[in-house]
Amino acid sequence: HPVVSFSESMLVQLSAVRRFLYAN
């Protein structure tokens, strides 16, 4: 597994941001 990563909570929030950017 990678050692450099966002936290799980940040990944969840960024996923919502990416979905918004994709759609809008």
PDBML (XML) file of the C-alpha atoms, coordinates in Angstrom:
<?xml version="1.0" encoding="UTF-8" ?>
<PDBx:datablock datablockName="MODEL"
   xmlns:PDBx="http://pdbml.pdb.org/schema/pdbx-v50.xsd"
   xmlns:xsi="http://www.w3.org/2001/XMLSchema-instance"
   xsi:schemaLocation="http://pdbml.pdb.org/schema/pdbx-v50.xsd pdbx-v50.xsd">
   <PDBx:atom_siteCategory>
      <PDBx:atom_site id="1">
         <PDBx:B_iso_or_equiv>0.00</PDBx:B_iso_or_equiv>
         <PDBx:Cartn_x>0.000</PDBx:Cartn_x>
         <PDBx:Cartn_y>0.000</PDBx:Cartn_y>
         <PDBx:Cartn_z>0.000</PDBx:Cartn_z>
         <PDBx:auth_asym_id>A</PDBx:auth_asym_id>
         <PDBx:auth_atom_id>CA</PDBx:auth_atom_id>
         <PDBx:auth_comp_id>HIS</PDBx:auth_comp_id>
         <PDBx:auth_seq_id>1</PDBx:auth_seq_id>
         <PDBx:group_PDB>ATOM</PDBx:group_PDB>
         <PDBx:label_alt_id xsi:nil="true" />
         <PDBx:label_asym_id>A</PDBx:label_asym_id>
         <PDBx:label_atom_id>CA</PDBx:label_atom_id>
         <PDBx:label_comp_id>HIS</PDBx:label_comp_id>
         <PDBx:label_entity_id>1</PDBx:label_entity_id>
         <PDBx:label_seq_id>1</PDBx:label_seq_id>
         <PDBx:occupancy>1.00</PDBx:occupancy>
         <PDBx:pdbx_PDB_model_num>1</PDBx:pdbx_PDB_model_num>
         <PDBx:type_symbol>C</PDBx:type_symbol>
      </PDBx:atom_site>
      <PDBx:atom_site id="2">
         <PDBx:B_iso_or_equiv>0.00</PDBx:B_iso_or_equiv>
         <PDBx:Cartn_x>1.154</PDBx:Cartn_x>
         <PDBx:Cartn_y>3.610</PDBx:Cartn_y>
         <PDBx:Cartn_z>-0.413</PDBx:Cartn_z>
         <PDBx:auth_asym_id>A</PDBx:auth_asym_id>
         <PDBx:auth_atom_id>CA</PDBx:auth_atom_id>
         <PDBx:auth_comp_id>PRO</PDBx:auth_comp_id>
         <PDBx:auth_seq_id>2</PDBx:auth_seq_id>
         <PDBx:group_PDB>ATOM</PDBx:group_PDB>
         <PDBx:label_alt_id xsi:nil="true" />
         <PDBx:label_asym_id>A</PDBx:label_asym_id>
         <PDBx:label_atom_id>CA</PDBx:label_atom_id>
         <PDBx:label_comp_id>PRO</PDBx:label_comp_id>
         <PDBx:label_entity_id>1</PDBx:label_entity_id>
         <PDBx:label_seq_id>2</PDBx:label_seq_id>
         <PDBx:occupancy>1.00</PDBx:occupancy>
         <PDBx:pdbx_PDB_model_num>1</PDBx:pdbx_PDB_model_num>
         <PDBx:type_symbol>C</PDBx:type_symbol>
      </PDBx:atom_site>
      <PDBx:atom_site id="3">
         <PDBx:B_iso_or_equiv>0.00</PDBx:B_iso_or_equiv>
         <PDBx:Cartn_x>2.496</PDBx:Cartn_x>
         <PDBx:Cartn_y>5.437</PDBx:Cartn_y>
         <PDBx:Cartn_z>2.622</PDBx:Cartn_z>
         <PDBx:auth_asym_id>A</PDBx:auth_asym_id>
         <PDBx:auth_atom_id>CA</PDBx:auth_atom_id>
         <PDBx:auth_comp_id>VAL</PDBx:auth_comp_id>
         <PDBx:auth_seq_id>3</PDBx:auth_seq_id>
         <PDBx:group_PDB>ATOM</PDBx:group_PDB>
         <PDBx:label_alt_id xsi:nil="true" />
         <PDBx:label_asym_id>A</PDBx:label_asym_id>
         <PDBx:label_atom_id>CA</PDBx:label_atom_id>
         <PDBx:label_comp_id>VAL</PDBx:label_comp_id>
         <PDBx:label_entity_id>1</PDBx:label_entity_id>
         <PDBx:label_seq_id>3</PDBx:label_seq_id>
         <PDBx:occupancy>1.00</PDBx:occupancy>
         <PDBx:pdbx_PDB_model_num>1</PDBx:pdbx_PDB_model_num>
         <PDBx:type_symbol>C</PDBx:type_symbol>
      </PDBx:atom_site>
      <PDBx:atom_site id="4">
         <PDBx:B_iso_or_equiv>0.00</PDBx:B_iso_or_equiv>
         <PDBx:Cartn_x>1.684</PDBx:Cartn_x>
         <PDBx:Cartn_y>8.936</PDBx:Cartn_y>
         <PDBx:Cartn_z>1.358</PDBx:Cartn_z>
         <PDBx:auth_asym_id>A</PDBx:auth_asym_id>
         <PDBx:auth_atom_id>CA</PDBx:auth_atom_id>
         <PDBx:auth_comp_id>VAL</PDBx:auth_comp_id>
         <PDBx:auth_seq_id>4</PDBx:auth_seq_id>
         <PDBx:group_PDB>ATOM</PDBx:group_PDB>
         <PDBx:label_alt_id xsi:nil="true" />
         <PDBx:label_asym_id>A</PDBx:label_asym_id>
         <PDBx:label_atom_id>CA</PDBx:label_atom_id>
         <PDBx:label_comp_id>VAL</PDBx:label_comp_id>
         <PDBx:label_entity_id>1</PDBx:label_entity_id>
         <PDBx:label_seq_id>4</PDBx:label_seq_id>
         <PDBx:occupancy>1.00</PDBx:occupancy>
         <PDBx:pdbx_PDB_model_num>1</PDBx:pdbx_PDB_model_num>
         <PDBx:type_symbol>C</PDBx:type_symbol>
      </PDBx:atom_site>
      <PDBx:atom_site id="5">
         <PDBx:B_iso_or_equiv>0.00</PDBx:B_iso_or_equiv>
         <PDBx:Cartn_x>-2.060</PDBx:Cartn_x>
         <PDBx:Cartn_y>9.505</PDBx:Cartn_y>
         <PDBx:Cartn_z>1.489</PDBx:Cartn_z>
         <PDBx:auth_asym_id>A</PDBx:auth_asym_id>
         <PDBx:auth_atom_id>CA</PDBx:auth_atom_id>
         <PDBx:auth_comp_id>SER</PDBx:auth_comp_id>
         <PDBx:auth_seq_id>5</PDBx:auth_seq_id>
         <PDBx:group_PDB>ATOM</PDBx:group_PDB>
         <PDBx:label_alt_id xsi:nil="true" />
         <PDBx:label_asym_id>A</PDBx:label_asym_id>
         <PDBx:label_atom_id>CA</PDBx:label_atom_id>
         <PDBx:label_comp_id>SER</PDBx:label_comp_id>
         <PDBx:label_entity_id>1</PDBx:label_entity_id>
         <PDBx:label_seq_id>5</PDBx:label_seq_id>
         <PDBx:occupancy>1.00</PDBx:occupancy>
         <PDBx:pdbx_PDB_model_num>1</PDBx:pdbx_PDB_model_num>
         <PDBx:type_symbol>C</PDBx:type_symbol>
      </PDBx:atom_site>
      <PDBx:atom_site id="6">
         <PDBx:B_iso_or_equiv>0.00</PDBx:B_iso_or_equiv>
         <PDBx:Cartn_x>-4.970</PDBx:Cartn_x>
         <PDBx:Cartn_y>11.656</PDBx:Cartn_y>
         <PDBx:Cartn_z>2.481</PDBx:Cartn_z>
         <PDBx:auth_asym_id>A</PDBx:auth_asym_id>
         <PDBx:auth_atom_id>CA</PDBx:auth_atom_id>
         <PDBx:auth_comp_id>PHE</PDBx:auth_comp_id>
         <PDBx:auth_seq_id>6</PDBx:auth_seq_id>
         <PDBx:group_PDB>ATOM</PDBx:group_PDB>
         <PDBx:label_alt_id xsi:nil="true" />
         <PDBx:label_asym_id>A</PDBx:label_asym_id>
         <PDBx:label_atom_id>CA</PDBx:label_atom_id>
         <PDBx:label_comp_id>PHE</PDBx:label_comp_id>
         <PDBx:label_entity_id>1</PDBx:label_entity_id>
         <PDBx:label_seq_id>6</PDBx:label_seq_id>
         <PDBx:occupancy>1.00</PDBx:occupancy>
         <PDBx:pdbx_PDB_model_num>1</PDBx:pdbx_PDB_model_num>
         <PDBx:type_symbol>C</PDBx:type_symbol>
      </PDBx:atom_site>
      <PDBx:atom_site id="7">
         <PDBx:B_iso_or_equiv>0.00</PDBx:B_iso_or_equiv>
         <PDBx:Cartn_x>-6.916</PDBx:Cartn_x>
         <PDBx:Cartn_y>10.588</PDBx:Cartn_y>
         <PDBx:Cartn_z>5.550</PDBx:Cartn_z>
         <PDBx:auth_asym_id>A</PDBx:auth_asym_id>
         <PDBx:auth_atom_id>CA</PDBx:auth_atom_id>
         <PDBx:auth_comp_id>SER</PDBx:auth_comp_id>
         <PDBx:auth_seq_id>7</PDBx:auth_seq_id>
         <PDBx:group_PDB>ATOM</PDBx:group_PDB>
         <PDBx:label_alt_id xsi:nil="true" />
         <PDBx:label_asym_id>A</PDBx:label_asym_id>
         <PDBx:label_atom_id>CA</PDBx:label_atom_id>
         <PDBx:label_comp_id>SER</PDBx:label_comp_id>
         <PDBx:label_entity_id>1</PDBx:label_entity_id>
         <PDBx:label_seq_id>7</PDBx:label_seq_id>
         <PDBx:occupancy>1.00</PDBx:occupancy>
         <PDBx:pdbx_PDB_model_num>1</PDBx:pdbx_PDB_model_num>
         <PDBx:type_symbol>C</PDBx:type_symbol>
      </PDBx:atom_site>
      <PDBx:atom_site id="8">
         <PDBx:B_iso_or_equiv>0.00</PDBx:B_iso_or_equiv>
         <PDBx:Cartn_x>-10.103</PDBx:Cartn_x>
         <PDBx:Cartn_y>8.599</PDBx:Cartn_y>
         <PDBx:Cartn_z>5.030</PDBx:Cartn_z>
         <PDBx:auth_asym_id>A</PDBx:auth_asym_id>
         <PDBx:auth_atom_id>CA</PDBx:auth_atom_id>
         <PDBx:auth_comp_id>GLU</PDBx:auth_comp_id>
         <PDBx:auth_seq_id>8</PDBx:auth_seq_id>
         <PDBx:group_PDB>ATOM</PDBx:group_PDB>
         <PDBx:label_alt_id xsi:nil="true" />
         <PDBx:label_asym_id>A</PDBx:label_asym_id>
         <PDBx:label_atom_id>CA</PDBx:label_atom_id>
         <PDBx:label_comp_id>GLU</PDBx:label_comp_id>
         <PDBx:label_entity_id>1</PDBx:label_entity_id>
         <PDBx:label_seq_id>8</PDBx:label_seq_id>
         <PDBx:occupancy>1.00</PDBx:occupancy>
         <PDBx:pdbx_PDB_model_num>1</PDBx:pdbx_PDB_model_num>
         <PDBx:type_symbol>C</PDBx:type_symbol>
      </PDBx:atom_site>
      <PDBx:atom_site id="9">
         <PDBx:B_iso_or_equiv>0.00</PDBx:B_iso_or_equiv>
         <PDBx:Cartn_x>-12.266</PDBx:Cartn_x>
         <PDBx:Cartn_y>11.576</PDBx:Cartn_y>
         <PDBx:Cartn_z>6.011</PDBx:Cartn_z>
         <PDBx:auth_asym_id>A</PDBx:auth_asym_id>
         <PDBx:auth_atom_id>CA</PDBx:auth_atom_id>
         <PDBx:auth_comp_id>SER</PDBx:auth_comp_id>
         <PDBx:auth_seq_id>9</PDBx:auth_seq_id>
         <PDBx:group_PDB>ATOM</PDBx:group_PDB>
         <PDBx:label_alt_id xsi:nil="true" />
         <PDBx:label_asym_id>A</PDBx:label_asym_id>
         <PDBx:label_atom_id>CA</PDBx:label_atom_id>
         <PDBx:label_comp_id>SER</PDBx:label_comp_id>
         <PDBx:label_entity_id>1</PDBx:label_entity_id>
         <PDBx:label_seq_id>9</PDBx:label_seq_id>
         <PDBx:occupancy>1.00</PDBx:occupancy>
         <PDBx:pdbx_PDB_model_num>1</PDBx:pdbx_PDB_model_num>
         <PDBx:type_symbol>C</PDBx:type_symbol>
      </PDBx:atom_site>
      <PDBx:atom_site id="10">
         <PDBx:B_iso_or_equiv>0.00</PDBx:B_iso_or_equiv>
         <PDBx:Cartn_x>-10.436</PDBx:Cartn_x>
         <PDBx:Cartn_y>13.843</PDBx:Cartn_y>
         <PDBx:Cartn_z>3.552</PDBx:Cartn_z>
         <PDBx:auth_asym_id>A</PDBx:auth_asym_id>
         <PDBx:auth_atom_id>CA</PDBx:auth_atom_id>
         <PDBx:auth_comp_id>MET</PDBx:auth_comp_id>
         <PDBx:auth_seq_id>10</PDBx:auth_seq_id>
         <PDBx:group_PDB>ATOM</PDBx:group_PDB>
         <PDBx:label_alt_id xsi:nil="true" />
         <PDBx:label_asym_id>A</PDBx:label_asym_id>
         <PDBx:label_atom_id>CA</PDBx:label_atom_id>
         <PDBx:label_comp_id>MET</PDBx:label_comp_id>
         <PDBx:label_entity_id>1</PDBx:label_entity_id>
         <PDBx:label_seq_id>10</PDBx:label_seq_id>
         <PDBx:occupancy>1.00</PDBx:occupancy>
         <PDBx:pdbx_PDB_model_num>1</PDBx:pdbx_PDB_model_num>
         <PDBx:type_symbol>C</PDBx:type_symbol>
      </PDBx:atom_site>
      <PDBx:atom_site id="11">
         <PDBx:B_iso_or_equiv>0.00</PDBx:B_iso_or_equiv>
         <PDBx:Cartn_x>-10.828</PDBx:Cartn_x>
         <PDBx:Cartn_y>11.269</PDBx:Cartn_y>
         <PDBx:Cartn_z>0.773</PDBx:Cartn_z>
         <PDBx:auth_asym_id>A</PDBx:auth_asym_id>
         <PDBx:auth_atom_id>CA</PDBx:auth_atom_id>
         <PDBx:auth_comp_id>LEU</PDBx:auth_comp_id>
         <PDBx:auth_seq_id>11</PDBx:auth_seq_id>
         <PDBx:group_PDB>ATOM</PDBx:group_PDB>
         <PDBx:label_alt_id xsi:nil="true" />
         <PDBx:label_asym_id>A</PDBx:label_asym_id>
         <PDBx:label_atom_id>CA</PDBx:label_atom_id>
         <PDBx:label_comp_id>LEU</PDBx:label_comp_id>
         <PDBx:label_entity_id>1</PDBx:label_entity_id>
         <PDBx:label_seq_id>11</PDBx:label_seq_id>
         <PDBx:occupancy>1.00</PDBx:occupancy>
         <PDBx:pdbx_PDB_model_num>1</PDBx:pdbx_PDB_model_num>
         <PDBx:type_symbol>C</PDBx:type_symbol>
      </PDBx:atom_site>
      <PDBx:atom_site id="12">
         <PDBx:B_iso_or_equiv>0.00</PDBx:B_iso_or_equiv>
         <PDBx:Cartn_x>-14.595</PDBx:Cartn_x>
         <PDBx:Cartn_y>11.200</PDBx:Cartn_y>
         <PDBx:Cartn_z>1.357</PDBx:Cartn_z>
         <PDBx:auth_asym_id>A</PDBx:auth_asym_id>
         <PDBx:auth_atom_id>CA</PDBx:auth_atom_id>
         <PDBx:auth_comp_id>VAL</PDBx:auth_comp_id>
         <PDBx:auth_seq_id>12</PDBx:auth_seq_id>
         <PDBx:group_PDB>ATOM</PDBx:group_PDB>
         <PDBx:label_alt_id xsi:nil="true" />
         <PDBx:label_asym_id>A</PDBx:label_asym_id>
         <PDBx:label_atom_id>CA</PDBx:label_atom_id>
         <PDBx:label_comp_id>VAL</PDBx:label_comp_id>
         <PDBx:label_entity_id>1</PDBx:label_entity_id>
         <PDBx:label_seq_id>12</PDBx:label_seq_id>
         <PDBx:occupancy>1.00</PDBx:occupancy>
         <PDBx:pdbx_PDB_model_num>1</PDBx:pdbx_PDB_model_num>
         <PDBx:type_symbol>C</PDBx:type_symbol>
      </PDBx:atom_site>
      <PDBx:atom_site id="13">
         <PDBx:B_iso_or_equiv>0.00</PDBx:B_iso_or_equiv>
         <PDBx:Cartn_x>-14.814</PDBx:Cartn_x>
         <PDBx:Cartn_y>14.988</PDBx:Cartn_y>
         <PDBx:Cartn_z>1.157</PDBx:Cartn_z>
         <PDBx:auth_asym_id>A</PDBx:auth_asym_id>
         <PDBx:auth_atom_id>CA</PDBx:auth_atom_id>
         <PDBx:auth_comp_id>GLN</PDBx:auth_comp_id>
         <PDBx:auth_seq_id>13</PDBx:auth_seq_id>
         <PDBx:group_PDB>ATOM</PDBx:group_PDB>
         <PDBx:label_alt_id xsi:nil="true" />
         <PDBx:label_asym_id>A</PDBx:label_asym_id>
         <PDBx:label_atom_id>CA</PDBx:label_atom_id>
         <PDBx:label_comp_id>GLN</PDBx:label_comp_id>
         <PDBx:label_entity_id>1</PDBx:label_entity_id>
         <PDBx:label_seq_id>13</PDBx:label_seq_id>
         <PDBx:occupancy>1.00</PDBx:occupancy>
         <PDBx:pdbx_PDB_model_num>1</PDBx:pdbx_PDB_model_num>
         <PDBx:type_symbol>C</PDBx:type_symbol>
      </PDBx:atom_site>
      <PDBx:atom_site id="14">
         <PDBx:B_iso_or_equiv>0.00</PDBx:B_iso_or_equiv>
         <PDBx:Cartn_x>-12.587</PDBx:Cartn_x>
         <PDBx:Cartn_y>15.181</PDBx:Cartn_y>
         <PDBx:Cartn_z>-1.925</PDBx:Cartn_z>
         <PDBx:auth_asym_id>A</PDBx:auth_asym_id>
         <PDBx:auth_atom_id>CA</PDBx:auth_atom_id>
         <PDBx:auth_comp_id>LEU</PDBx:auth_comp_id>
         <PDBx:auth_seq_id>14</PDBx:auth_seq_id>
         <PDBx:group_PDB>ATOM</PDBx:group_PDB>
         <PDBx:label_alt_id xsi:nil="true" />
         <PDBx:label_asym_id>A</PDBx:label_asym_id>
         <PDBx:label_atom_id>CA</PDBx:label_atom_id>
         <PDBx:label_comp_id>LEU</PDBx:label_comp_id>
         <PDBx:label_entity_id>1</PDBx:label_entity_id>
         <PDBx:label_seq_id>14</PDBx:label_seq_id>
         <PDBx:occupancy>1.00</PDBx:occupancy>
         <PDBx:pdbx_PDB_model_num>1</PDBx:pdbx_PDB_model_num>
         <PDBx:type_symbol>C</PDBx:type_symbol>
      </PDBx:atom_site>
      <PDBx:atom_site id="15">
         <PDBx:B_iso_or_equiv>0.00</PDBx:B_iso_or_equiv>
         <PDBx:Cartn_x>-14.710</PDBx:Cartn_x>
         <PDBx:Cartn_y>12.557</PDBx:Cartn_y>
         <PDBx:Cartn_z>-3.645</PDBx:Cartn_z>
         <PDBx:auth_asym_id>A</PDBx:auth_asym_id>
         <PDBx:auth_atom_id>CA</PDBx:auth_atom_id>
         <PDBx:auth_comp_id>SER</PDBx:auth_comp_id>
         <PDBx:auth_seq_id>15</PDBx:auth_seq_id>
         <PDBx:group_PDB>ATOM</PDBx:group_PDB>
         <PDBx:label_alt_id xsi:nil="true" />
         <PDBx:label_asym_id>A</PDBx:label_asym_id>
         <PDBx:label_atom_id>CA</PDBx:label_atom_id>
         <PDBx:label_comp_id>SER</PDBx:label_comp_id>
         <PDBx:label_entity_id>1</PDBx:label_entity_id>
         <PDBx:label_seq_id>15</PDBx:label_seq_id>
         <PDBx:occupancy>1.00</PDBx:occupancy>
         <PDBx:pdbx_PDB_model_num>1</PDBx:pdbx_PDB_model_num>
         <PDBx:type_symbol>C</PDBx:type_symbol>
      </PDBx:atom_site>
      <PDBx:atom_site id="16">
         <PDBx:B_iso_or_equiv>0.00</PDBx:B_iso_or_equiv>
         <PDBx:Cartn_x>-17.723</PDBx:Cartn_x>
         <PDBx:Cartn_y>14.843</PDBx:Cartn_y>
         <PDBx:Cartn_z>-3.286</PDBx:Cartn_z>
         <PDBx:auth_asym_id>A</PDBx:auth_asym_id>
         <PDBx:auth_atom_id>CA</PDBx:auth_atom_id>
         <PDBx:auth_comp_id>ALA</PDBx:auth_comp_id>
         <PDBx:auth_seq_id>16</PDBx:auth_seq_id>
         <PDBx:group_PDB>ATOM</PDBx:group_PDB>
         <PDBx:label_alt_id xsi:nil="true" />
         <PDBx:label_asym_id>A</PDBx:label_asym_id>
         <PDBx:label_atom_id>CA</PDBx:label_atom_id>
         <PDBx:label_comp_id>ALA</PDBx:label_comp_id>
         <PDBx:label_entity_id>1</PDBx:label_entity_id>
         <PDBx:label_seq_id>16</PDBx:label_seq_id>
         <PDBx:occupancy>1.00</PDBx:occupancy>
         <PDBx:pdbx_PDB_model_num>1</PDBx:pdbx_PDB_model_num>
         <PDBx:type_symbol>C</PDBx:type_symbol>
      </PDBx:atom_site>
      <PDBx:atom_site id="17">
         <PDBx:B_iso_or_equiv>0.00</PDBx:B_iso_or_equiv>
         <PDBx:Cartn_x>-15.691</PDBx:Cartn_x>
         <PDBx:Cartn_y>17.788</PDBx:Cartn_y>
         <PDBx:Cartn_z>-4.620</PDBx:Cartn_z>
         <PDBx:auth_asym_id>A</PDBx:auth_asym_id>
         <PDBx:auth_atom_id>CA</PDBx:auth_atom_id>
         <PDBx:auth_comp_id>VAL</PDBx:auth_comp_id>
         <PDBx:auth_seq_id>17</PDBx:auth_seq_id>
         <PDBx:group_PDB>ATOM</PDBx:group_PDB>
         <PDBx:label_alt_id xsi:nil="true" />
         <PDBx:label_asym_id>A</PDBx:label_asym_id>
         <PDBx:label_atom_id>CA</PDBx:label_atom_id>
         <PDBx:label_comp_id>VAL</PDBx:label_comp_id>
         <PDBx:label_entity_id>1</PDBx:label_entity_id>
         <PDBx:label_seq_id>17</PDBx:label_seq_id>
         <PDBx:occupancy>1.00</PDBx:occupancy>
         <PDBx:pdbx_PDB_model_num>1</PDBx:pdbx_PDB_model_num>
         <PDBx:type_symbol>C</PDBx:type_symbol>
      </PDBx:atom_site>
      <PDBx:atom_site id="18">
         <PDBx:B_iso_or_equiv>0.00</PDBx:B_iso_or_equiv>
         <PDBx:Cartn_x>-14.582</PDBx:Cartn_x>
         <PDBx:Cartn_y>15.787</PDBx:Cartn_y>
         <PDBx:Cartn_z>-7.676</PDBx:Cartn_z>
         <PDBx:auth_asym_id>A</PDBx:auth_asym_id>
         <PDBx:auth_atom_id>CA</PDBx:auth_atom_id>
         <PDBx:auth_comp_id>ARG</PDBx:auth_comp_id>
         <PDBx:auth_seq_id>18</PDBx:auth_seq_id>
         <PDBx:group_PDB>ATOM</PDBx:group_PDB>
         <PDBx:label_alt_id xsi:nil="true" />
         <PDBx:label_asym_id>A</PDBx:label_asym_id>
         <PDBx:label_atom_id>CA</PDBx:label_atom_id>
         <PDBx:label_comp_id>ARG</PDBx:label_comp_id>
         <PDBx:label_entity_id>1</PDBx:label_entity_id>
         <PDBx:label_seq_id>18</PDBx:label_seq_id>
         <PDBx:occupancy>1.00</PDBx:occupancy>
         <PDBx:pdbx_PDB_model_num>1</PDBx:pdbx_PDB_model_num>
         <PDBx:type_symbol>C</PDBx:type_symbol>
      </PDBx:atom_site>
      <PDBx:atom_site id="19">
         <PDBx:B_iso_or_equiv>0.00</PDBx:B_iso_or_equiv>
         <PDBx:Cartn_x>-18.149</PDBx:Cartn_x>
         <PDBx:Cartn_y>14.698</PDBx:Cartn_y>
         <PDBx:Cartn_z>-8.411</PDBx:Cartn_z>
         <PDBx:auth_asym_id>A</PDBx:auth_asym_id>
         <PDBx:auth_atom_id>CA</PDBx:auth_atom_id>
         <PDBx:auth_comp_id>ARG</PDBx:auth_comp_id>
         <PDBx:auth_seq_id>19</PDBx:auth_seq_id>
         <PDBx:group_PDB>ATOM</PDBx:group_PDB>
         <PDBx:label_alt_id xsi:nil="true" />
         <PDBx:label_asym_id>A</PDBx:label_asym_id>
         <PDBx:label_atom_id>CA</PDBx:label_atom_id>
         <PDBx:label_comp_id>ARG</PDBx:label_comp_id>
         <PDBx:label_entity_id>1</PDBx:label_entity_id>
         <PDBx:label_seq_id>19</PDBx:label_seq_id>
         <PDBx:occupancy>1.00</PDBx:occupancy>
         <PDBx:pdbx_PDB_model_num>1</PDBx:pdbx_PDB_model_num>
         <PDBx:type_symbol>C</PDBx:type_symbol>
      </PDBx:atom_site>
      <PDBx:atom_site id="20">
         <PDBx:B_iso_or_equiv>0.00</PDBx:B_iso_or_equiv>
         <PDBx:Cartn_x>-19.236</PDBx:Cartn_x>
         <PDBx:Cartn_y>18.332</PDBx:Cartn_y>
         <PDBx:Cartn_z>-8.250</PDBx:Cartn_z>
         <PDBx:auth_asym_id>A</PDBx:auth_asym_id>
         <PDBx:auth_atom_id>CA</PDBx:auth_atom_id>
         <PDBx:auth_comp_id>PHE</PDBx:auth_comp_id>
         <PDBx:auth_seq_id>20</PDBx:auth_seq_id>
         <PDBx:group_PDB>ATOM</PDBx:group_PDB>
         <PDBx:label_alt_id xsi:nil="true" />
         <PDBx:label_asym_id>A</PDBx:label_asym_id>
         <PDBx:label_atom_id>CA</PDBx:label_atom_id>
         <PDBx:label_comp_id>PHE</PDBx:label_comp_id>
         <PDBx:label_entity_id>1</PDBx:label_entity_id>
         <PDBx:label_seq_id>20</PDBx:label_seq_id>
         <PDBx:occupancy>1.00</PDBx:occupancy>
         <PDBx:pdbx_PDB_model_num>1</PDBx:pdbx_PDB_model_num>
         <PDBx:type_symbol>C</PDBx:type_symbol>
      </PDBx:atom_site>
      <PDBx:atom_site id="21">
         <PDBx:B_iso_or_equiv>0.00</PDBx:B_iso_or_equiv>
         <PDBx:Cartn_x>-16.433</PDBx:Cartn_x>
         <PDBx:Cartn_y>19.474</PDBx:Cartn_y>
         <PDBx:Cartn_z>-10.548</PDBx:Cartn_z>
         <PDBx:auth_asym_id>A</PDBx:auth_asym_id>
         <PDBx:auth_atom_id>CA</PDBx:auth_atom_id>
         <PDBx:auth_comp_id>LEU</PDBx:auth_comp_id>
         <PDBx:auth_seq_id>21</PDBx:auth_seq_id>
         <PDBx:group_PDB>ATOM</PDBx:group_PDB>
         <PDBx:label_alt_id xsi:nil="true" />
         <PDBx:label_asym_id>A</PDBx:label_asym_id>
         <PDBx:label_atom_id>CA</PDBx:label_atom_id>
         <PDBx:label_comp_id>LEU</PDBx:label_comp_id>
         <PDBx:label_entity_id>1</PDBx:label_entity_id>
         <PDBx:label_seq_id>21</PDBx:label_seq_id>
         <PDBx:occupancy>1.00</PDBx:occupancy>
         <PDBx:pdbx_PDB_model_num>1</PDBx:pdbx_PDB_model_num>
         <PDBx:type_symbol>C</PDBx:type_symbol>
      </PDBx:atom_site>
      <PDBx:atom_site id="22">
         <PDBx:B_iso_or_equiv>0.00</PDBx:B_iso_or_equiv>
         <PDBx:Cartn_x>-17.197</PDBx:Cartn_x>
         <PDBx:Cartn_y>16.718</PDBx:Cartn_y>
         <PDBx:Cartn_z>-13.035</PDBx:Cartn_z>
         <PDBx:auth_asym_id>A</PDBx:auth_asym_id>
         <PDBx:auth_atom_id>CA</PDBx:auth_atom_id>
         <PDBx:auth_comp_id>TYR</PDBx:auth_comp_id>
         <PDBx:auth_seq_id>22</PDBx:auth_seq_id>
         <PDBx:group_PDB>ATOM</PDBx:group_PDB>
         <PDBx:label_alt_id xsi:nil="true" />
         <PDBx:label_asym_id>A</PDBx:label_asym_id>
         <PDBx:label_atom_id>CA</PDBx:label_atom_id>
         <PDBx:label_comp_id>TYR</PDBx:label_comp_id>
         <PDBx:label_entity_id>1</PDBx:label_entity_id>
         <PDBx:label_seq_id>22</PDBx:label_seq_id>
         <PDBx:occupancy>1.00</PDBx:occupancy>
         <PDBx:pdbx_PDB_model_num>1</PDBx:pdbx_PDB_model_num>
         <PDBx:type_symbol>C</PDBx:type_symbol>
      </PDBx:atom_site>
      <PDBx:atom_site id="23">
         <PDBx:B_iso_or_equiv>0.00</PDBx:B_iso_or_equiv>
         <PDBx:Cartn_x>-20.886</PDBx:Cartn_x>
         <PDBx:Cartn_y>17.524</PDBx:Cartn_y>
         <PDBx:Cartn_z>-13.205</PDBx:Cartn_z>
         <PDBx:auth_asym_id>A</PDBx:auth_asym_id>
         <PDBx:auth_atom_id>CA</PDBx:auth_atom_id>
         <PDBx:auth_comp_id>ALA</PDBx:auth_comp_id>
         <PDBx:auth_seq_id>23</PDBx:auth_seq_id>
         <PDBx:group_PDB>ATOM</PDBx:group_PDB>
         <PDBx:label_alt_id xsi:nil="true" />
         <PDBx:label_asym_id>A</PDBx:label_asym_id>
         <PDBx:label_atom_id>CA</PDBx:label_atom_id>
         <PDBx:label_comp_id>ALA</PDBx:label_comp_id>
         <PDBx:label_entity_id>1</PDBx:label_entity_id>
         <PDBx:label_seq_id>23</PDBx:label_seq_id>
         <PDBx:occupancy>1.00</PDBx:occupancy>
         <PDBx:pdbx_PDB_model_num>1</PDBx:pdbx_PDB_model_num>
         <PDBx:type_symbol>C</PDBx:type_symbol>
      </PDBx:atom_site>
      <PDBx:atom_site id="24">
         <PDBx:B_iso_or_equiv>0.00</PDBx:B_iso_or_equiv>
         <PDBx:Cartn_x>-20.678</PDBx:Cartn_x>
         <PDBx:Cartn_y>21.319</PDBx:Cartn_y>
         <PDBx:Cartn_z>-13.068</PDBx:Cartn_z>
         <PDBx:auth_asym_id>A</PDBx:auth_asym_id>
         <PDBx:auth_atom_id>CA</PDBx:auth_atom_id>
         <PDBx:auth_comp_id>ASN</PDBx:auth_comp_id>
         <PDBx:auth_seq_id>24</PDBx:auth_seq_id>
         <PDBx:group_PDB>ATOM</PDBx:group_PDB>
         <PDBx:label_alt_id xsi:nil="true" />
         <PDBx:label_asym_id>A</PDBx:label_asym_id>
         <PDBx:label_atom_id>CA</PDBx:label_atom_id>
         <PDBx:label_comp_id>ASN</PDBx:label_comp_id>
         <PDBx:label_entity_id>1</PDBx:label_entity_id>
         <PDBx:label_seq_id>24</PDBx:label_seq_id>
         <PDBx:occupancy>1.00</PDBx:occupancy>
         <PDBx:pdbx_PDB_model_num>1</PDBx:pdbx_PDB_model_num>
         <PDBx:type_symbol>C</PDBx:type_symbol>
      </PDBx:atom_site>
   </PDBx:atom_siteCategory>
</PDBx:datablock>
